[in-house]
Protein backbone atom coordinates (compact mmCIF):
# COMPACT_ATOMS: atom_id res chain seq x y z
CA MET A 1 2.32 5.57 27.08
CA ARG A 2 0.59 6.44 23.71
CA VAL A 3 -2.35 4.06 24.86
CA GLY A 4 -2.63 5.42 28.14
CA LEU A 5 -2.86 8.99 27.03
CA LEU A 6 -5.38 7.74 24.42
CA ALA A 7 -7.47 6.30 27.16
CA LEU A 8 -7.68 9.36 28.95
CA LEU A 9 -8.54 11.22 25.79
CA GLY A 10 -11.33 8.75 25.14
CA LEU A 11 -12.78 9.18 28.47
CA ALA A 12 -13.02 12.77 27.85
CA ALA A 13 -14.55 12.25 24.35
CA CYS A 14 -17.10 9.94 25.75
CA ALA A 15 -18.35 12.59 28.28
CA GLY A 16 -21.40 13.41 26.06
CA PRO A 17 -23.56 12.18 23.43
CA THR A 18 -22.31 12.69 19.75
CA SER A 19 -23.65 12.20 16.27
CA ASP A 20 -20.37 10.68 15.09
CA PRO A 21 -20.80 6.86 15.23
CA LEU A 22 -17.05 6.42 15.94
CA PRO A 23 -16.24 9.63 18.13
CA LEU A 24 -12.66 8.37 19.23
CA GLY A 25 -11.55 7.84 15.74
CA ARG A 26 -11.21 5.37 13.08
CA ASP A 27 -7.78 3.77 13.65
CA ALA A 28 -6.53 0.75 15.55
CA ALA A 29 -4.71 3.31 17.93
CA SER A 30 -7.95 4.91 18.84
CA CYS A 31 -9.60 1.45 19.45
CA GLY A 32 -6.49 0.60 21.59
CA SER A 33 -7.45 3.20 23.98
CA CYS A 34 -10.08 1.39 25.34
CA HIS A 35 -9.09 -2.39 24.05
CA GLU A 36 -5.29 -2.29 25.05
CA ALA A 37 -4.61 -6.09 24.94
CA HIS A 38 -6.13 -6.52 21.69
CA TYR A 39 -4.35 -3.49 20.22
CA ASP A 40 -0.90 -4.70 21.85
CA ALA A 41 -1.30 -8.03 20.02
CA TRP A 42 -2.68 -6.61 16.75
CA ARG A 43 0.01 -3.98 16.13
CA GLY A 44 2.80 -6.72 15.99
CA SER A 45 0.68 -8.99 13.81
CA PRO A 46 0.84 -9.43 10.08
CA HIS A 47 -2.36 -7.62 9.44
CA ALA A 48 -1.09 -4.41 11.05
CA GLY A 49 2.12 -4.76 8.78
CA SER A 50 0.35 -5.78 5.73
CA ALA A 51 0.85 -2.64 3.86
CA ALA A 52 4.31 -1.87 5.13
CA SER A 53 5.81 -5.20 4.11
CA PRO A 54 8.96 -4.62 2.35
CA VAL A 55 8.46 -7.77 0.18
CA LEU A 56 5.18 -6.43 -1.21
CA ALA A 57 6.78 -3.03 -1.94
CA ALA A 58 9.44 -4.48 -3.80
CA MET A 59 7.20 -6.76 -5.76
CA LEU A 60 4.65 -4.24 -6.70
CA PRO A 61 6.50 -2.34 -9.40
CA ASP A 62 7.25 -5.67 -11.07
CA VAL A 63 3.71 -6.78 -10.75
CA GLU A 64 2.56 -3.63 -12.39
CA ALA A 65 4.95 -3.85 -15.05
CA ALA A 66 4.03 -7.41 -15.91
CA TRP A 67 0.38 -7.20 -15.48
CA GLY A 68 -0.70 -3.62 -15.54
CA PRO A 69 -1.88 -1.02 -13.12
CA LEU A 70 -5.20 -2.88 -12.00
CA ALA A 71 -3.13 -5.94 -10.97
CA ARG A 72 -1.20 -3.57 -8.41
CA GLN A 73 -4.40 -2.43 -7.41
CA ALA A 74 -5.81 -5.97 -6.72
CA CYS A 75 -2.84 -6.57 -4.35
CA GLU A 76 -3.55 -3.36 -2.46
CA SER A 77 -6.99 -4.02 -2.10
CA CYS A 78 -6.34 -6.73 0.50
CA HIS A 79 -2.87 -5.64 1.80
CA ALA A 80 -3.94 -1.81 2.18
CA PRO A 81 -7.58 -1.99 1.90
CA GLY A 82 -8.04 1.67 3.58
CA HIS A 83 -10.86 0.74 5.80
CA GLY A 84 -10.21 3.23 8.57
CA GLU A 85 -7.24 5.31 9.14
CA ASP A 86 -4.65 2.46 9.26
CA GLU A 87 -2.32 1.68 6.42
CA GLY A 88 -2.83 -2.23 6.92
CA ILE A 89 -5.82 -4.23 7.99
CA GLY A 90 -7.00 -2.46 10.87
CA CYS A 91 -9.85 -3.11 13.33
CA LEU A 92 -12.59 -1.70 11.10
CA SER A 93 -11.47 -4.12 8.17
CA CYS A 94 -13.08 -6.87 10.49
CA HIS A 95 -15.21 -5.54 13.00
CA ALA A 96 -17.18 -2.87 10.57
CA ALA A 97 -17.54 -5.67 7.94
CA THR A 98 -21.03 -6.45 7.09
CA GLY A 99 -20.42 -9.01 4.33
CA ASN A 100 -18.64 -9.52 1.05
CA HIS A 101 -19.71 -9.07 -2.45
CA ALA A 102 -17.80 -11.92 -3.31
CA GLU A 103 -15.62 -14.74 -1.42
CA ARG A 104 -12.52 -13.66 -2.77
CA ASP A 105 -10.25 -10.87 -4.15
CA GLY A 106 -10.75 -8.56 -1.35
CA ASP A 107 -14.32 -7.87 -2.23
CA LEU A 108 -15.37 -6.96 1.37
CA ALA A 109 -18.34 -4.78 2.51
CA VAL A 110 -17.23 -2.56 5.28
CA ASP A 111 -19.67 0.20 6.86
CA PRO A 112 -18.23 2.24 9.96
CA ALA A 113 -21.49 3.72 10.38
CA ARG A 114 -22.93 0.82 11.54
CA PRO A 115 -22.56 -0.87 14.98
CA LEU A 116 -19.36 -2.55 15.24
CA ALA A 117 -19.60 -6.31 15.26
CA GLY A 118 -18.31 -8.41 17.99
CA PRO A 119 -18.37 -12.05 19.17
CA LEU A 120 -20.74 -11.61 22.35
CA ALA A 121 -24.67 -11.29 22.08
CA ASP A 122 -24.72 -9.19 25.25
CA ALA A 123 -21.84 -6.88 24.81
CA GLU A 124 -21.63 -4.15 27.50
CA PRO A 125 -22.80 -0.57 26.51
CA THR A 126 -20.27 2.22 25.65
CA ILE A 127 -20.56 5.71 24.21
CA ALA A 128 -17.40 5.01 22.31
CA HIS A 129 -19.41 3.07 19.68
CA ARG A 130 -22.81 0.94 19.19
CA SER A 131 -22.20 -2.92 19.14
CA ARG A 132 -23.78 -5.72 17.47
CA PRO A 133 -23.22 -9.71 17.55
CA GLY A 134 -21.68 -10.37 14.45
CA ALA A 135 -21.71 -13.97 12.77
CA PHE A 136 -19.95 -12.92 9.88
CA LEU A 137 -16.87 -11.71 12.27
CA ALA A 138 -16.24 -15.41 13.29
CA SER A 139 -16.88 -17.05 9.83
CA PRO A 140 -14.29 -18.17 7.34
CA SER A 141 -16.27 -16.30 4.80
CA LEU A 142 -14.81 -13.04 6.20
CA CYS A 143 -11.16 -14.68 6.36
CA GLY A 144 -11.59 -15.95 2.60
CA THR A 145 -12.41 -12.52 1.26
CA CYS A 146 -8.64 -11.98 1.24
CA HIS A 147 -7.62 -15.61 1.58
CA GLU A 148 -9.26 -16.92 -1.82
CA LEU A 149 -7.36 -14.99 -4.64
CA THR A 150 -7.96 -15.62 -8.56
CA GLY A 151 -5.63 -13.35 -9.96
CA PRO A 152 -3.85 -11.19 -11.00
CA GLY A 153 -1.87 -13.30 -13.54
CA LEU A 154 -0.78 -16.53 -12.12
CA VAL A 155 -1.70 -15.59 -8.42
CA ASP A 156 -4.04 -18.48 -7.41
CA GLU A 157 -4.38 -18.70 -3.64
CA PRO A 158 -7.46 -20.89 -3.05
CA THR A 159 -7.24 -21.20 0.86
CA LEU A 160 -10.83 -20.68 1.53
CA THR A 161 -11.67 -23.31 -0.77
CA GLU A 162 -8.87 -25.58 0.81
CA PHE A 163 -10.25 -25.06 4.11
CA ARG A 164 -14.09 -25.89 3.19
CA ALA A 165 -12.90 -29.43 2.04
CA SER A 166 -10.95 -30.12 5.01
CA PRO A 167 -11.77 -32.30 7.81
CA GLN A 168 -11.52 -29.38 10.34
CA ALA A 169 -14.32 -27.59 8.56
CA ALA A 170 -16.25 -30.63 8.66
CA ALA A 171 -15.65 -30.76 12.57
CA GLY A 172 -17.00 -27.25 13.05
CA GLU A 173 -13.74 -25.34 13.22
CA THR A 174 -13.07 -22.07 11.65
CA CYS A 175 -10.08 -20.15 10.82
CA ALA A 176 -10.01 -18.47 14.03
CA SER A 177 -9.60 -21.98 15.74
CA CYS A 178 -5.87 -21.79 14.87
CA HIS A 179 -5.12 -18.25 14.07
CA LEU A 180 -6.98 -16.52 16.82
CA PRO A 181 -6.86 -18.98 19.57
CA ALA A 182 -8.77 -18.47 22.76
CA GLU A 183 -6.84 -16.78 25.67
CA ALA A 184 -7.71 -16.55 29.43
CA PRO A 185 -11.01 -14.47 30.15
CA ARG A 186 -10.44 -10.81 30.95
CA ARG A 187 -12.04 -7.48 30.89
CA LEU A 188 -12.34 -6.54 27.17
CA SER A 189 -12.19 -3.02 27.61
CA ASN A 190 -10.95 -0.46 30.12
CA ASP A 191 -14.39 0.32 31.17
CA ALA A 192 -15.85 -3.18 31.35
CA THR A 193 -17.25 -4.63 34.74
CA ARG A 194 -16.59 -8.30 34.17
CA GLU A 195 -14.28 -10.69 32.46
CA ARG A 196 -15.47 -12.20 29.15
CA PRO A 197 -13.93 -14.85 26.98
CA ALA A 198 -10.85 -13.52 25.07
CA THR A 199 -8.96 -14.49 21.66
CA SER A 200 -5.58 -13.55 20.55
CA HIS A 201 -5.20 -10.82 17.87
CA ARG A 202 -1.70 -11.58 16.84
CA PHE A 203 -3.13 -13.43 13.77
CA VAL A 204 -0.34 -16.14 13.80
CA GLY A 205 1.01 -16.77 10.16
CA PHE A 206 4.13 -17.40 8.28
CA ASP A 207 5.32 -13.95 7.80
CA PRO A 208 7.69 -12.24 10.11
CA PRO A 209 6.78 -8.88 11.96
CA TRP A 210 9.15 -6.62 9.48
CA GLY A 211 11.39 -4.27 11.21
CA ALA A 212 10.52 -5.56 14.50
CA ALA A 213 12.84 -5.25 17.74
CA PRO A 214 14.89 -8.51 18.37
CA ASP A 215 12.91 -9.64 21.38
CA GLU A 216 9.57 -9.20 19.38
CA ALA A 217 10.98 -10.93 16.31
CA ALA A 218 12.00 -13.79 18.23
CA ALA A 219 8.64 -14.04 20.09
CA SER A 220 6.76 -14.10 16.81
CA ALA A 221 9.17 -16.73 15.33
CA GLU A 222 8.45 -19.16 18.14
CA ARG A 223 4.57 -18.59 17.54
CA THR A 224 4.88 -19.36 13.80
CA ARG A 225 7.26 -22.45 14.72
CA THR A 226 4.57 -23.83 17.21
CA LEU A 227 1.89 -23.17 14.44
CA LEU A 228 3.82 -25.12 11.88
CA ALA A 229 4.63 -28.05 14.21
CA GLN A 230 0.85 -28.20 14.95
CA ALA A 231 0.27 -28.54 11.35
CA LEU A 232 2.84 -30.88 10.06
CA THR A 233 3.98 -34.22 11.48
CA LEU A 234 7.54 -35.62 10.75
CA THR A 235 8.30 -39.14 11.15
CA VAL A 236 11.20 -41.48 10.72
CA GLU A 237 10.49 -45.31 10.35
CA ARG A 238 12.60 -48.33 10.14
CA ASP A 239 11.75 -51.61 8.55
CA GLU A 240 13.67 -54.44 7.23
CA ASP A 241 14.35 -52.79 3.79
CA GLY A 242 15.51 -49.39 5.21
CA VAL A 243 13.99 -46.35 6.48
CA THR A 244 11.13 -44.11 5.58
CA VAL A 245 11.09 -40.19 6.23
CA ALA A 246 7.81 -38.63 5.94
CA VAL A 247 6.02 -35.50 6.41
CA THR A 248 1.99 -35.47 6.85
CA ASN A 249 -0.28 -32.75 7.13
CA THR A 250 -2.04 -33.80 10.36
CA GLY A 251 -3.07 -30.52 11.52
CA ALA A 252 -3.75 -27.80 9.11
CA GLY A 253 -7.33 -26.98 7.69
CA HIS A 254 -5.73 -26.08 4.25
CA ARG A 255 -2.55 -26.92 2.16
CA VAL A 256 0.69 -26.13 3.73
CA PRO A 257 2.05 -23.92 2.95
CA THR A 258 -0.83 -22.07 1.70
CA GLY A 259 -1.48 -18.47 0.24
CA ALA A 260 1.58 -16.91 -1.31
CA THR A 261 3.20 -20.48 -1.55
CA PHE A 262 5.61 -19.35 -4.39
CA LEU A 263 7.28 -17.43 -1.82
CA ARG A 264 7.43 -20.23 1.13
CA GLU A 265 9.57 -23.18 1.32
CA ILE A 266 9.45 -25.99 3.87
CA TRP A 267 11.65 -29.01 3.64
CA VAL A 268 13.64 -31.88 5.39
CA ASP A 269 17.35 -32.22 5.88
CA VAL A 270 18.39 -35.75 6.58
CA VAL A 271 21.50 -36.96 7.93
CA VAL A 272 22.24 -40.55 6.71
CA ASP A 273 25.55 -42.47 8.40
CA GLY A 274 26.75 -38.98 9.27
CA ALA A 275 26.50 -37.62 5.81
CA LEU A 276 23.86 -34.73 4.91
CA ALA A 277 21.37 -35.40 2.41
CA ALA A 278 19.75 -31.75 2.10
CA ARG A 279 16.13 -31.13 1.17
CA VAL A 280 15.03 -34.68 0.57
CA ILE A 281 11.45 -33.57 0.87
CA ALA A 282 10.20 -29.93 -0.46
CA LEU A 283 6.86 -28.36 0.12
CA GLY A 284 6.01 -25.12 -1.72
CA ASP A 285 4.80 -24.12 -5.14
CA GLN A 286 7.32 -23.55 -7.95
CA PRO A 287 6.78 -20.86 -10.53
CA MET A 288 8.34 -22.22 -13.96
CA ALA A 289 9.18 -20.90 -17.23
CA GLY A 290 9.01 -23.78 -19.78
CA ASP A 291 11.13 -26.59 -17.77
CA GLN A 292 13.26 -24.04 -15.78
CA PRO A 293 12.24 -22.90 -12.33
CA VAL A 294 12.29 -19.10 -11.74
CA PRO A 295 11.92 -17.17 -8.63
CA LEU A 296 8.75 -14.97 -9.39
CA LEU A 297 5.14 -15.52 -10.71
CA THR A 298 5.69 -12.66 -13.26
CA GLN A 299 8.56 -14.52 -14.77
CA ALA A 300 6.53 -17.91 -15.27
CA ASP A 301 4.25 -19.34 -17.64
CA ARG A 302 3.05 -22.00 -15.03
CA VAL A 303 3.42 -23.30 -11.36
CA GLU A 304 4.10 -26.72 -10.13
CA ILE A 305 1.89 -27.26 -7.01
CA GLY A 306 4.18 -28.69 -4.16
CA SER A 307 2.13 -27.91 -1.04
CA LEU A 308 0.61 -30.47 1.12
CA ALA A 309 -3.10 -31.19 1.31
CA PRO A 310 -4.84 -31.78 4.71
CA GLY A 311 -4.10 -35.55 5.41
CA GLU A 312 -1.63 -35.88 2.67
CA ARG A 313 1.76 -37.68 3.36
CA ARG A 314 5.13 -37.20 1.32
CA GLU A 315 7.76 -39.46 1.93
CA VAL A 316 11.26 -40.79 0.61
CA ARG A 317 13.18 -44.03 1.49
CA PHE A 318 16.79 -44.75 2.31
CA ALA A 319 18.24 -48.19 1.89
CA THR A 320 20.62 -47.99 4.86
CA GLU A 321 21.11 -49.84 8.14
CA GLY A 322 23.03 -46.73 9.69
CA PRO A 323 21.40 -44.09 11.93
CA VAL A 324 18.97 -41.56 10.18
CA GLU A 325 18.06 -38.22 11.63
CA ALA A 326 15.73 -35.93 10.04
CA THR A 327 14.79 -32.08 10.65
CA LEU A 328 11.81 -30.30 9.25
CA ARG A 329 12.65 -26.69 8.60
CA GLY A 330 10.59 -23.65 6.88
CA ARG A 331 10.96 -20.12 6.18
CA ALA A 332 8.59 -17.45 4.73
CA VAL A 333 10.54 -16.21 1.84
CA ARG A 334 12.91 -18.00 -0.34
CA PRO A 335 16.46 -16.25 -0.61
CA GLU A 336 16.23 -16.65 -4.48
CA VAL A 337 12.72 -14.50 -4.47
CA LEU A 338 14.68 -11.80 -2.19
CA ALA A 339 17.47 -11.66 -4.59
CA ALA A 340 15.08 -11.49 -7.67
CA ILE A 341 13.20 -8.42 -6.09
CA GLY A 342 16.40 -6.58 -5.18
CA ARG A 343 16.28 -7.20 -1.36
CA PRO A 344 18.69 -9.83 -0.27
CA ASP A 345 19.30 -7.70 2.90
CA LEU A 346 15.98 -8.78 4.11
CA GLU A 347 17.25 -12.51 4.49
CA ALA A 348 18.46 -11.75 8.03
CA GLU A 349 14.68 -10.82 9.01
CA VAL A 350 13.41 -14.05 7.71
CA PRO A 351 13.96 -16.96 10.32
CA VAL A 352 14.53 -20.49 9.58
CA HIS A 353 12.15 -22.43 11.67
CA ALA A 354 13.36 -25.82 12.96
CA ILE A 355 9.74 -27.12 13.01
CA ALA A 356 10.69 -30.75 14.06
CA THR A 357 13.16 -33.53 14.50
CA ALA A 358 12.94 -37.25 14.24
CA ALA A 359 15.62 -40.25 14.06
CA ALA A 360 15.81 -43.97 13.71
CA ARG A 361 18.88 -45.75 15.10
């Protein structure tokens, strides 16, 4: 109902000329008054909830205490950039972006006074805003502005660097190829006169939609599981000496997991001759204090890299003639991290994804 009402208000606001480049407003709901499908997809996305993440909220005081107030501001510059009137990453963060000052650490240049960028060279005119074709909008450089981090402290998230070294980048793919996949053509706004190519604005990733209704959370979990299944291949192969269980990054244009890898965990559970041998392969970076693993980067003095690069394979062998069954699983936030930040109650909102299964008899 809210979007429908906004649509009526938007039509009224468009009745005459205005000097305001965005007369309907600068928040995503205002954009949604004309672009309903984009808005509905976005508002359940990790971008929409980037500033409202309870994990972020619980970690920020610890980050500030360990590394200072500038460290907290560095986190907030990507999670809560304030480019429009939205708390998280709203429409203007991408469509009003004109470039970046650096391809890292949230150093994005945004100018809402300029025409809004879109993917089409021949956008239909509207009084709601001026439009321009935007090559930067579709570029990994835009995504990398916040997905290439060089601090604070031990934070090191080189996702853009990983992508540019990947076979996917060499083949001409972009971040959008997986995270904003193409959808069926449709009218891109309420007053559009023809159907045009469309993309999903769900920005599928690893994080759950915090606080979502059960049906929305379940749908989001399935999208994440599908994305992980497209990235990783699980195999179980028998030879005369036993069985090899392996995980290979066959589909992602970056390491898996990537980004805040110290939060993530992906692992393989194996049943050998009816007995469980849990976590025989683990993917994810581990903060370390000396020789001891710790849950948080603020407690660590180094990080052991455990994620899987594009094309990389990790395996374990079992000397057995009996049946072997393997299941590849993953979750966005480790329970020990939630306990360390004082939010073990959030564990119920973090689904364990059964990404793939394989067996040898």
